[in-house]
């Protein structure tokens, strides 16, 4: 499966630059835009995918706890570890904030 990552800004403009995972280098813009009508739709899909993955990670971690306090602790730990391991998701969120300001 092809996945996309994100650079904060492309070198040619102030818009976010997306890159595909190894093995998907032959993927062309036209192929991507057949699935997404606009850059914003593509961007929102990438953010949504990251947030869905984050929710799954937190739910799995918190589900291993016994008490409410343990669930919160494990959920927060999973949240922090997720963003440490997936900085591209943080950058997606940051680029949107820059765009909206």
Protein backbone atom coordinates (compact mmCIF):
# COMPACT_ATOMS: atom_id res chain seq x y z
CA UNK A 1 0.00 0.00 0.00
CA UNK A 2 1.26 3.43 -0.85
CA UNK A 3 1.45 6.01 1.91
CA UNK A 4 2.20 9.68 1.77
CA UNK A 5 4.40 11.75 3.97
CA UNK A 6 4.67 15.47 4.13
CA UNK A 7 7.34 18.17 4.12
CA UNK A 8 6.43 21.37 5.92
CA UNK A 9 6.93 23.46 2.79
CA UNK A 10 7.99 22.66 -0.73
CA UNK A 11 11.09 24.36 -2.05
CA UNK A 12 9.18 26.09 -4.83
CA UNK A 13 6.26 27.55 -2.93
CA UNK A 14 4.67 27.91 0.47
CA UNK A 15 2.35 24.96 -0.07
CA UNK A 16 2.94 21.64 1.68
CA UNK A 17 4.90 19.07 -0.35
CA UNK A 18 3.79 15.45 -0.30
CA UNK A 19 5.96 12.41 -0.97
CA UNK A 20 4.99 8.78 -1.43
CA UNK A 21 6.52 5.78 0.29
CA UNK A 22 9.27 3.69 -1.34
CA UNK A 23 7.85 1.40 -3.99
CA UNK A 24 5.26 3.97 -5.04
CA UNK A 25 7.60 6.35 -6.86
CA UNK A 26 5.77 5.79 -10.15
CA UNK A 27 2.57 7.18 -8.69
CA UNK A 28 1.63 10.28 -10.67
CA UNK A 29 -0.28 13.38 -9.62
CA UNK A 30 -3.11 12.56 -11.98
CA UNK A 31 -3.63 9.20 -10.30
CA UNK A 32 -3.81 10.86 -6.89
CA UNK A 33 -6.16 13.62 -8.04
CA UNK A 34 -8.59 11.09 -9.53
CA UNK A 35 -9.20 10.05 -5.92
CA UNK A 36 -9.13 13.58 -4.46
CA UNK A 37 -10.86 16.47 -6.23
CA UNK A 38 -8.55 19.10 -4.71
CA UNK A 39 -5.35 19.59 -2.76
CA UNK A 40 -7.44 20.40 0.29
CA UNK A 41 -9.32 17.11 0.01
CA UNK A 42 -6.01 15.26 -0.26
CA UNK A 43 -4.65 17.16 2.72
CA UNK A 44 -7.74 16.44 4.82
CA UNK A 45 -7.57 12.74 3.92
CA UNK A 46 -3.94 12.61 5.06
CA UNK A 47 -4.81 14.33 8.35
CA UNK A 48 -7.81 12.06 8.84
CA UNK A 49 -5.67 8.96 8.27
CA UNK A 50 -3.16 10.15 10.86
CA UNK A 51 -5.87 10.90 13.41
CA UNK A 52 -7.53 7.51 12.85
CA UNK A 53 -4.17 5.80 13.43
CA UNK A 54 -3.66 7.88 16.58
CA UNK A 55 -7.09 6.93 17.91
CA UNK A 56 -6.36 3.24 17.34
CA UNK A 57 -3.01 3.48 19.14
CA UNK A 58 -4.56 5.28 22.13
CA UNK A 59 -7.52 2.89 22.33
CA UNK A 60 -5.23 -0.15 22.28
CA UNK A 61 -2.95 1.29 24.96
CA UNK A 62 -5.73 2.47 27.24
CA UNK A 63 -7.54 -0.84 26.87
CA UNK A 64 -4.66 -2.59 28.65
CA UNK A 65 -5.23 -0.66 31.87
CA UNK A 66 -7.32 -1.59 34.86
CA UNK A 67 -8.17 1.71 36.54
CA UNK A 68 -9.29 5.00 35.06
CA UNK A 69 -6.03 6.66 36.11
CA UNK A 70 -4.03 3.90 34.39
CA UNK A 71 -6.12 4.35 31.22
CA UNK A 72 -5.38 8.07 31.19
CA UNK A 73 -1.67 7.49 31.85
CA UNK A 74 -1.36 4.86 29.12
CA UNK A 75 -3.44 6.94 26.70
CA UNK A 76 -1.28 10.03 27.20
CA UNK A 77 1.89 7.96 26.89
CA UNK A 78 0.60 6.41 23.64
CA UNK A 79 -0.33 9.87 22.33
CA UNK A 80 3.14 11.27 22.98
CA UNK A 81 4.89 8.20 21.57
CA UNK A 82 2.73 8.30 18.44
CA UNK A 83 3.75 11.85 17.59
CA UNK A 84 7.37 11.07 18.46
CA UNK A 85 7.27 8.18 15.97
CA UNK A 86 5.16 10.02 13.36
CA UNK A 87 6.39 13.63 13.19
CA UNK A 88 4.88 13.97 9.71
CA UNK A 89 1.39 13.95 11.26
CA UNK A 90 2.37 16.85 13.53
CA UNK A 91 3.73 18.74 10.54
CA UNK A 92 0.46 18.23 8.66
CA UNK A 93 -1.40 19.87 11.52
CA UNK A 94 1.16 22.68 11.80
CA UNK A 95 1.03 23.46 8.09
CA UNK A 96 -2.76 23.81 8.25
CA UNK A 97 -2.43 26.28 11.12
CA UNK A 98 0.03 28.34 9.09
CA UNK A 99 -2.27 28.25 6.09
CA UNK A 100 -5.27 29.43 8.12
CA UNK A 101 -3.47 32.29 9.86
